[in-house]
Amino acid sequence: MTIWIALAICLAINALGFLLALAQRSDRYTDISYALTFLAVALTGLMARPAASWHSVLLVAMVTLWAVRLGAYLLVRILRTGRDERFDGRRERLLWLLRFWSLQALSVWIISMPVVLALARPLPADPPGWLWIGVLAWALGLTIETVSDWQKFRFRNQPGNRGRFIRSGLWRYSRHPNYFGEMLVWWGVWLTALPRLHGWAHLGIAGPVFITLLLLFVSGIPILEKKAREKYAQDPDWQDYVRATNKLIPWFPRRSN
């Protein structure tokens, strides 16, 4: 499978999601289509191989487990909340929705690049053992992301916590442990794919770089930090939490002076 076929898959799935969301004025298709697009790209790349190696199966399994976990979590969340706050005031804006779905398709395409490029190339006869460091990084990232999402979901669904922010569990050590886990997942995927990336295929590093920059500076941390400041700016507990807790990389909280 070429990178252009992968792009076509991304555009097709998200075009369908866009049409469904527009017709039904619904947010339910957004996040589940994101996970399904990764899954479709990875599985198509695997099926395009005349004979799949253990390494190809490993890469696709890594993406599949990540996509199933994320897709299931996001589906349960949207079914429970009924709406995605990102779309408030924008559900009827055709051009905004078209831009959103187009950018989502392109994002999946770029992030999937290490897997797409690796699956199109042969596995070296003697692959380096350090590729398992990538698998370990991916497993650690997936675990952190899963645990932190579950902790926050459970916290928010306890009536006594309404209007409060979480600072327990993994959230005691990082204000965004789920995003740290997400970044680690894709750096792990890239490192696992690296033995098959040669020449211009080293552009596959764009995948983990893109998701890292996206979460750090565009659609992840900046948006949530802004919302938190607007909501808790006058809360001494929030001020203490921000002062004592790393924004991204989990670490022990700093003590008060």
C-alpha atoms as a PDB file:
ATOM      1  CA  MET A   1       0.000   0.000   0.000  1.00  0.00           C
ATOM      2  CA  THR A   2       1.328   3.441  -0.944  1.00  0.00           C
ATOM      3  CA  ILE A   3       1.045   6.568   1.145  1.00  0.00           C
ATOM      4  CA  TRP A   4      -1.458   7.880  -1.407  1.00  0.00           C
ATOM      5  CA  ILE A   5      -3.778   4.930  -0.945  1.00  0.00           C
ATOM      6  CA  ALA A   6      -3.527   5.521   2.796  1.00  0.00           C
ATOM      7  CA  LEU A   7      -4.472   9.166   2.235  1.00  0.00           C
ATOM      8  CA  ALA A   8      -7.459   8.116   0.112  1.00  0.00           C
ATOM      9  CA  ILE A   9      -8.667   5.804   2.897  1.00  0.00           C
ATOM     10  CA  CYS A  10      -8.351   8.597   5.460  1.00  0.00           C
ATOM     11  CA  LEU A  11     -10.251  11.061   3.270  1.00  0.00           C
ATOM     12  CA  ALA A  12     -12.995   8.568   2.387  1.00  0.00           C
ATOM     13  CA  ILE A  13     -13.774   7.536   5.971  1.00  0.00           C
ATOM     14  CA  ASN A  14     -13.761  11.093   7.243  1.00  0.00           C
ATOM     15  CA  ALA A  15     -15.874  12.307   4.325  1.00  0.00           C
ATOM     16  CA  LEU A  16     -18.483   9.734   5.338  1.00  0.00           C
ATOM     17  CA  GLY A  17     -18.230  10.841   8.962  1.00  0.00           C
ATOM     18  CA  PHE A  18     -18.624  14.465   7.894  1.00  0.00           C
ATOM     19  CA  LEU A  19     -21.773  13.714   5.883  1.00  0.00           C
ATOM     20  CA  LEU A  20     -23.331  11.728   8.737  1.00  0.00           C
ATOM     21  CA  ALA A  21     -22.473  14.396  11.301  1.00  0.00           C
ATOM     22  CA  LEU A  22     -23.854  17.133   9.056  1.00  0.00           C
ATOM     23  CA  ALA A  23     -27.075  15.280   8.226  1.00  0.00           C
ATOM     24  CA  GLN A  24     -27.817  14.294  11.825  1.00  0.00           C
ATOM     25  CA  ARG A  25     -26.273  17.304  13.610  1.00  0.00           C
ATOM     26  CA  SER A  26     -24.507  14.751  15.760  1.00  0.00           C
ATOM     27  CA  ASP A  27     -21.093  14.579  17.454  1.00  0.00           C
ATOM     28  CA  ARG A  28     -21.184  10.814  17.841  1.00  0.00           C
ATOM     29  CA  TYR A  29     -19.172  10.045  14.712  1.00  0.00           C
ATOM     30  CA  THR A  30     -16.194  12.291  15.339  1.00  0.00           C
ATOM     31  CA  ASP A  31     -13.997  10.367  17.749  1.00  0.00           C
ATOM     32  CA  ILE A  32     -15.039   6.862  16.714  1.00  0.00           C
ATOM     33  CA  SER A  33     -14.215   7.685  13.074  1.00  0.00           C
ATOM     34  CA  TYR A  34     -10.770   8.879  14.229  1.00  0.00           C
ATOM     35  CA  ALA A  35      -9.967   5.494  15.754  1.00  0.00           C
ATOM     36  CA  LEU A  36     -11.558   3.549  12.887  1.00  0.00           C
ATOM     37  CA  THR A  37      -9.462   5.405  10.307  1.00  0.00           C
ATOM     38  CA  PHE A  38      -6.220   4.301  11.989  1.00  0.00           C
ATOM     39  CA  LEU A  39      -7.551   0.759  12.093  1.00  0.00           C
ATOM     40  CA  ALA A  40      -8.565   0.763   8.421  1.00  0.00           C
ATOM     41  CA  VAL A  41      -5.195   2.131   7.278  1.00  0.00           C
ATOM     42  CA  ALA A  42      -3.202  -0.403   9.308  1.00  0.00           C
ATOM     43  CA  LEU A  43      -5.300  -3.422   8.289  1.00  0.00           C
ATOM     44  CA  THR A  44      -5.285  -2.425   4.605  1.00  0.00           C
ATOM     45  CA  GLY A  45      -1.512  -2.101   4.725  1.00  0.00           C
ATOM     46  CA  LEU A  46      -1.221  -5.561   6.241  1.00  0.00           C
ATOM     47  CA  MET A  47      -3.565  -7.173   3.700  1.00  0.00           C
ATOM     48  CA  ALA A  48      -1.639  -5.552   0.859  1.00  0.00           C
ATOM     49  CA  ARG A  49       1.456  -7.589   1.797  1.00  0.00           C
ATOM     50  CA  PRO A  50       1.755 -10.862  -0.166  1.00  0.00           C
ATOM     51  CA  ALA A  51       3.088 -12.559   2.942  1.00  0.00           C
ATOM     52  CA  ALA A  52       2.894 -10.768   6.264  1.00  0.00           C
ATOM     53  CA  SER A  53       5.965 -11.087   8.493  1.00  0.00           C
ATOM     54  CA  TRP A  54       5.776 -11.298  12.268  1.00  0.00           C
ATOM     55  CA  HIS A  55       6.968  -7.696  12.350  1.00  0.00           C
ATOM     56  CA  SER A  56       4.092  -6.528  10.138  1.00  0.00           C
ATOM     57  CA  VAL A  57       1.599  -8.341  12.339  1.00  0.00           C
ATOM     58  CA  LEU A  58       3.226  -6.789  15.404  1.00  0.00           C
ATOM     59  CA  LEU A  59       2.957  -3.236  14.042  1.00  0.00           C
ATOM     60  CA  VAL A  60      -0.671  -3.683  13.027  1.00  0.00           C
ATOM     61  CA  ALA A  61      -1.500  -5.302  16.370  1.00  0.00           C
ATOM     62  CA  MET A  62      -0.021  -2.293  18.179  1.00  0.00           C
ATOM     63  CA  VAL A  63      -2.192   0.111  16.181  1.00  0.00           C
ATOM     64  CA  THR A  64      -5.249  -2.141  16.500  1.00  0.00           C
ATOM     65  CA  LEU A  65      -5.067  -2.432  20.283  1.00  0.00           C
ATOM     66  CA  TRP A  66      -4.573   1.300  20.606  1.00  0.00           C
ATOM     67  CA  ALA A  67      -7.478   2.076  18.231  1.00  0.00           C
ATOM     68  CA  VAL A  68      -9.914  -0.377  19.841  1.00  0.00           C
ATOM     69  CA  ARG A  69      -9.110   0.937  23.324  1.00  0.00           C
ATOM     70  CA  LEU A  70      -9.420   4.588  22.330  1.00  0.00           C
ATOM     71  CA  GLY A  71     -12.471   4.068  20.126  1.00  0.00           C
ATOM     72  CA  ALA A  72     -14.360   2.167  22.819  1.00  0.00           C
ATOM     73  CA  TYR A  73     -13.541   4.756  25.464  1.00  0.00           C
ATOM     74  CA  LEU A  74     -14.517   7.715  23.288  1.00  0.00           C
ATOM     75  CA  LEU A  75     -17.720   6.025  22.146  1.00  0.00           C
ATOM     76  CA  VAL A  76     -18.809   5.357  25.739  1.00  0.00           C
ATOM     77  CA  ARG A  77     -17.938   8.931  26.666  1.00  0.00           C
ATOM     78  CA  ILE A  78     -19.897  10.574  23.843  1.00  0.00           C
ATOM     79  CA  LEU A  79     -22.899   8.301  24.393  1.00  0.00           C
ATOM     80  CA  ARG A  80     -22.894   9.301  28.042  1.00  0.00           C
ATOM     81  CA  THR A  81     -22.349  13.038  27.572  1.00  0.00           C
ATOM     82  CA  GLY A  82     -24.385  13.324  24.373  1.00  0.00           C
ATOM     83  CA  ARG A  83     -22.241  16.076  22.872  1.00  0.00           C
ATOM     84  CA  ASP A  84     -18.713  17.229  22.141  1.00  0.00           C
ATOM     85  CA  GLU A  85     -18.023  20.696  23.566  1.00  0.00           C
ATOM     86  CA  ARG A  86     -15.684  21.469  20.673  1.00  0.00           C
ATOM     87  CA  PHE A  87     -18.725  21.676  18.386  1.00  0.00           C
ATOM     88  CA  ASP A  88     -20.834  23.994  20.525  1.00  0.00           C
ATOM     89  CA  GLY A  89     -21.985  26.836  18.301  1.00  0.00           C
ATOM     90  CA  ARG A  90     -20.347  25.253  15.270  1.00  0.00           C
ATOM     91  CA  ARG A  91     -22.526  22.269  14.326  1.00  0.00           C
ATOM     92  CA  GLU A  92     -24.370  24.267  11.673  1.00  0.00           C
ATOM     93  CA  ARG A  93     -21.257  25.926  10.219  1.00  0.00           C
ATOM     94  CA  LEU A  94     -20.590  23.937   7.058  1.00  0.00           C
ATOM     95  CA  LEU A  95     -17.122  25.310   6.279  1.00  0.00           C
ATOM     96  CA  TRP A  96     -15.919  24.884   9.873  1.00  0.00           C
ATOM     97  CA  LEU A  97     -17.110  21.269   9.939  1.00  0.00           C
ATOM     98  CA  LEU A  98     -15.533  20.575   6.545  1.00  0.00           C
ATOM     99  CA  ARG A  99     -12.223  21.979   7.751  1.00  0.00           C
ATOM    100  CA  PHE A 100     -12.385  19.971  10.983  1.00  0.00           C
ATOM    101  CA  TRP A 101     -13.034  16.658   9.220  1.00  0.00           C
ATOM    102  CA  SER A 102     -10.408  17.376   6.555  1.00  0.00           C
ATOM    103  CA  LEU A 103      -7.786  18.135   9.202  1.00  0.00           C
ATOM    104  CA  GLN A 104      -8.732  14.983  11.087  1.00  0.00           C
ATOM    105  CA  ALA A 105      -8.192  12.911   7.928  1.00  0.00           C
ATOM    106  CA  LEU A 106      -4.800  14.525   7.284  1.00  0.00           C
ATOM    107  CA  SER A 107      -3.784  14.087  10.928  1.00  0.00           C
ATOM    108  CA  VAL A 108      -4.469  10.351  10.849  1.00  0.00           C
ATOM    109  CA  TRP A 109      -2.545  10.067   7.590  1.00  0.00           C
ATOM    110  CA  ILE A 110       0.533  11.804   8.992  1.00  0.00           C
ATOM    111  CA  ILE A 111       0.477   9.995  12.343  1.00  0.00           C
ATOM    112  CA  SER A 112       0.097   6.627  10.585  1.00  0.00           C
ATOM    113  CA  MET A 113       3.058   7.310   8.306  1.00  0.00           C
ATOM    114  CA  PRO A 114       5.632   5.115  10.140  1.00  0.00           C
ATOM    115  CA  VAL A 115       3.335   2.097   9.894  1.00  0.00           C
ATOM    116  CA  VAL A 116       2.314   2.736   6.284  1.00  0.00           C
ATOM    117  CA  LEU A 117       5.926   3.145   5.138  1.00  0.00           C
ATOM    118  CA  ALA A 118       7.199   0.169   7.145  1.00  0.00           C
ATOM    119  CA  LEU A 119       4.507  -2.197   5.844  1.00  0.00           C
ATOM    120  CA  ALA A 120       5.479  -1.328   2.263  1.00  0.00           C
ATOM    121  CA  ARG A 121       9.095  -2.390   2.832  1.00  0.00           C
ATOM    122  CA  PRO A 122      10.790  -5.734   3.581  1.00  0.00           C
ATOM    123  CA  LEU A 123      11.919  -6.641   7.061  1.00  0.00           C
ATOM    124  CA  PRO A 124      15.714  -6.916   7.382  1.00  0.00           C
ATOM    125  CA  ALA A 125      16.982 -10.494   7.621  1.00  0.00           C
ATOM    126  CA  ASP A 126      18.401  -9.741  11.055  1.00  0.00           C
ATOM    127  CA  PRO A 127      16.239  -6.997  12.629  1.00  0.00           C
ATOM    128  CA  PRO A 128      17.902  -5.214  15.548  1.00  0.00           C
ATOM    129  CA  GLY A 129      16.886  -6.241  19.032  1.00  0.00           C
ATOM    130  CA  TRP A 130      16.445  -2.628  20.092  1.00  0.00           C
ATOM    131  CA  LEU A 131      13.136  -2.503  18.213  1.00  0.00           C
ATOM    132  CA  TRP A 132      11.627  -4.110  21.334  1.00  0.00           C
ATOM    133  CA  ILE A 133      12.381  -0.889  23.179  1.00  0.00           C
ATOM    134  CA  GLY A 134       9.749   0.610  20.893  1.00  0.00           C
ATOM    135  CA  VAL A 135       7.265  -2.096  21.868  1.00  0.00           C
ATOM    136  CA  LEU A 136       7.956  -1.448  25.556  1.00  0.00           C
ATOM    137  CA  ALA A 137       7.507   2.319  25.055  1.00  0.00           C
ATOM    138  CA  TRP A 138       4.230   1.672  23.235  1.00  0.00           C
ATOM    139  CA  ALA A 139       3.005  -0.675  26.000  1.00  0.00           C
ATOM    140  CA  LEU A 140       3.926   1.810  28.718  1.00  0.00           C
ATOM    141  CA  GLY A 141       2.227   4.652  26.852  1.00  0.00           C
ATOM    142  CA  LEU A 142      -0.932   2.616  26.263  1.00  0.00           C
ATOM    143  CA  THR A 143      -1.064   1.643  29.935  1.00  0.00           C
ATOM    144  CA  ILE A 144      -0.620   5.238  31.120  1.00  0.00           C
ATOM    145  CA  GLU A 145      -3.226   6.506  28.673  1.00  0.00           C
ATOM    146  CA  THR A 146      -5.741   3.812  29.591  1.00  0.00           C
ATOM    147  CA  VAL A 147      -5.351   4.190  33.350  1.00  0.00           C
ATOM    148  CA  SER A 148      -5.466   7.994  33.300  1.00  0.00           C
ATOM    149  CA  ASP A 149      -8.543   8.067  31.036  1.00  0.00           C
ATOM    150  CA  TRP A 150     -10.311   5.587  33.305  1.00  0.00           C
ATOM    151  CA  GLN A 151      -9.412   7.524  36.446  1.00  0.00           C
ATOM    152  CA  LYS A 152     -10.724  10.776  34.987  1.00  0.00           C
ATOM    153  CA  PHE A 153     -13.880   9.155  33.605  1.00  0.00           C
ATOM    154  CA  ARG A 154     -14.668   7.567  36.977  1.00  0.00           C
ATOM    155  CA  PHE A 155     -13.904  10.830  38.822  1.00  0.00           C
ATOM    156  CA  ARG A 156     -16.196  12.886  36.602  1.00  0.00           C
ATOM    157  CA  ASN A 157     -19.060  10.440  36.949  1.00  0.00           C
ATOM    158  CA  GLN A 158     -19.166  10.646  40.732  1.00  0.00           C
ATOM    159  CA  PRO A 159     -21.846  13.214  41.719  1.00  0.00           C
ATOM    160  CA  GLY A 160     -19.741  14.601  44.558  1.00  0.00           C
ATOM    161  CA  ASN A 161     -17.014  15.636  42.117  1.00  0.00           C
ATOM    162  CA  ARG A 162     -19.166  17.837  39.916  1.00  0.00           C
ATOM    163  CA  GLY A 163     -17.381  21.126  39.265  1.00  0.00           C
ATOM    164  CA  ARG A 164     -14.093  19.821  40.689  1.00  0.00           C
ATOM    165  CA  PHE A 165     -10.846  18.869  38.965  1.00  0.00           C
ATOM    166  CA  ILE A 166      -8.982  15.593  39.378  1.00  0.00           C
ATOM    167  CA  ARG A 167      -5.608  15.525  41.106  1.00  0.00           C
ATOM    168  CA  SER A 168      -5.495  11.907  42.232  1.00  0.00           C
ATOM    169  CA  GLY A 169      -4.032   8.757  40.691  1.00  0.00           C
ATOM    170  CA  LEU A 170      -1.772   9.500  37.728  1.00  0.00           C
ATOM    171  CA  TRP A 171      -3.167  13.030  37.698  1.00  0.00           C
ATOM    172  CA  ARG A 172      -1.260  13.673  40.912  1.00  0.00           C
ATOM    173  CA  TYR A 173       2.005  13.390  38.946  1.00  0.00           C
ATOM    174  CA  SER A 174       1.008  15.106  35.694  1.00  0.00           C
ATOM    175  CA  ARG A 175      -1.726  17.520  34.657  1.00  0.00           C
ATOM    176  CA  HIS A 176      -2.044  15.650  31.332  1.00  0.00           C
ATOM    177  CA  PRO A 177      -0.877  12.040  31.815  1.00  0.00           C
ATOM    178  CA  ASN A 178      -3.201  10.796  29.066  1.00  0.00           C
ATOM    179  CA  TYR A 179      -1.456  13.000  26.512  1.00  0.00           C
ATOM    180  CA  PHE A 180       1.944  11.875  27.752  1.00  0.00           C
ATOM    181  CA  GLY A 181       0.807   8.282  27.211  1.00  0.00           C
ATOM    182  CA  GLU A 182      -0.489   9.126  23.724  1.00  0.00           C
ATOM    183  CA  MET A 183       2.837  10.623  22.687  1.00  0.00           C
ATOM    184  CA  LEU A 184       4.719   7.633  24.085  1.00  0.00           C
ATOM    185  CA  VAL A 185       2.494   5.249  22.104  1.00  0.00           C
ATOM    186  CA  TRP A 186       3.394   6.835  18.765  1.00  0.00           C
ATOM    187  CA  TRP A 187       7.089   7.244  19.512  1.00  0.00           C
ATOM    188  CA  GLY A 188       7.043   3.543  20.402  1.00  0.00           C
ATOM    189  CA  VAL A 189       5.332   2.668  17.111  1.00  0.00           C
ATOM    190  CA  TRP A 190       7.900   4.691  15.158  1.00  0.00           C
ATOM    191  CA  LEU A 191      10.828   3.061  16.957  1.00  0.00           C
ATOM    192  CA  THR A 192       9.370  -0.390  16.293  1.00  0.00           C
ATOM    193  CA  ALA A 193       8.928   0.460  12.595  1.00  0.00           C
ATOM    194  CA  LEU A 194      12.372   2.066  12.257  1.00  0.00           C
ATOM    195  CA  PRO A 195      14.328  -1.045  11.063  1.00  0.00           C
ATOM    196  CA  ARG A 196      12.249  -0.969   7.849  1.00  0.00           C
ATOM    197  CA  LEU A 197      12.509   2.775   7.224  1.00  0.00           C
ATOM    198  CA  HIS A 198      15.303   3.643   4.794  1.00  0.00           C
ATOM    199  CA  GLY A 199      16.072   6.642   2.609  1.00  0.00           C
ATOM    200  CA  TRP A 200      13.111   8.955   2.153  1.00  0.00           C
ATOM    201  CA  ALA A 201      11.004   6.586   4.280  1.00  0.00           C
ATOM    202  CA  HIS A 202      12.675   8.165   7.307  1.00  0.00           C
ATOM    203  CA  LEU A 203      10.021  10.830   6.796  1.00  0.00           C
ATOM    204  CA  GLY A 204       7.949   8.450   8.888  1.00  0.00           C
ATOM    205  CA  ILE A 205       9.282  10.308  11.920  1.00  0.00           C
ATOM    206  CA  ALA A 206       6.753  12.987  10.966  1.00  0.00           C
ATOM    207  CA  GLY A 207       4.137  10.797  12.674  1.00  0.00           C
ATOM    208  CA  PRO A 208       5.329  11.008  16.290  1.00  0.00           C
ATOM    209  CA  VAL A 209       6.644  14.561  15.798  1.00  0.00           C
ATOM    210  CA  PHE A 210       3.243  15.675  14.502  1.00  0.00           C
ATOM    211  CA  ILE A 211       1.189  14.184  17.350  1.00  0.00           C
ATOM    212  CA  THR A 212       3.654  15.582  19.890  1.00  0.00           C
ATOM    213  CA  LEU A 213       3.479  19.117  18.493  1.00  0.00           C
ATOM    214  CA  LEU A 214      -0.292  18.876  18.027  1.00  0.00           C
ATOM    215  CA  LEU A 215      -0.926  17.946  21.651  1.00  0.00           C
ATOM    216  CA  LEU A 216       1.673  20.320  23.056  1.00  0.00           C
ATOM    217  CA  PHE A 217       0.818  23.445  21.089  1.00  0.00           C
ATOM    218  CA  VAL A 218      -2.460  23.142  19.168  1.00  0.00           C
ATOM    219  CA  SER A 219      -5.466  20.979  20.009  1.00  0.00           C
ATOM    220  CA  GLY A 220      -4.526  19.236  23.232  1.00  0.00           C
ATOM    221  CA  ILE A 221      -2.873  20.826  26.225  1.00  0.00           C
ATOM    222  CA  PRO A 222      -3.362  24.527  25.294  1.00  0.00           C
ATOM    223  CA  ILE A 223      -7.141  24.157  24.969  1.00  0.00           C
ATOM    224  CA  LEU A 224      -7.563  22.246  28.222  1.00  0.00           C
ATOM    225  CA  GLU A 225      -5.217  24.532  30.128  1.00  0.00           C
ATOM    226  CA  LYS A 226      -7.164  27.573  28.917  1.00  0.00           C
ATOM    227  CA  LYS A 227     -10.489  26.068  29.971  1.00  0.00           C
ATOM    228  CA  ALA A 228      -9.076  25.137  33.375  1.00  0.00           C
ATOM    229  CA  ARG A 229      -7.726  28.662  33.936  1.00  0.00           C
ATOM    230  CA  GLU A 230     -11.089  30.171  33.043  1.00  0.00           C
ATOM    231  CA  LYS A 231     -12.895  27.835  35.417  1.00  0.00           C
ATOM    232  CA  TYR A 232     -10.506  27.541  38.367  1.00  0.00           C
ATOM    233  CA  ALA A 233      -8.352  30.687  38.182  1.00  0.00           C
ATOM    234  CA  GLN A 234      -9.517  31.876  41.607  1.00  0.00           C
ATOM    235  CA  ASP A 235      -9.360  28.438  43.215  1.00  0.00           C
ATOM    236  CA  PRO A 236      -6.351  28.160  45.608  1.00  0.00           C
ATOM    237  CA  ASP A 237      -6.339  24.379  45.171  1.00  0.00           C
ATOM    238  CA  TRP A 238      -5.983  24.771  41.406  1.00  0.00           C
ATOM    239  CA  GLN A 239      -3.206  27.294  41.829  1.00  0.00           C
ATOM    240  CA  ASP A 240      -1.388  24.901  44.137  1.00  0.00           C
ATOM    241  CA  TYR A 241      -1.956  22.020  41.715  1.00  0.00           C
ATOM    242  CA  VAL A 242      -0.479  23.978  38.788  1.00  0.00           C
ATOM    243  CA  ARG A 243       2.501  25.100  40.851  1.00  0.00           C
ATOM    244  CA  ALA A 244       3.263  21.636  42.220  1.00  0.00           C
ATOM    245  CA  THR A 245       2.480  19.376  39.256  1.00  0.00           C
ATOM    246  CA  ASN A 246       4.298  18.945  35.945  1.00  0.00           C
ATOM    247  CA  LYS A 247       2.269  19.873  32.902  1.00  0.00           C
ATOM    248  CA  LEU A 248       3.130  16.723  30.928  1.00  0.00           C
ATOM    249  CA  ILE A 249       5.867  14.335  32.098  1.00  0.00           C
ATOM    250  CA  PRO A 250       4.755  12.490  35.250  1.00  0.00           C
ATOM    251  CA  TRP A 251       6.912  13.258  38.275  1.00  0.00           C
ATOM    252  CA  PHE A 252       6.559  13.646  42.013  1.00  0.00           C
ATOM    253  CA  PRO A 253       4.746  16.873  43.009  1.00  0.00           C
ATOM    254  CA  ARG A 254       6.886  19.759  44.172  1.00  0.00           C
ATOM    255  CA  ARG A 255       6.590  20.620  47.839  1.00  0.00           C
ATOM    256  CA  SER A 256       5.204  23.904  49.061  1.00  0.00           C
ATOM    257  CA  ASN A 257       7.753  26.408  50.311  1.00  0.00           C
END
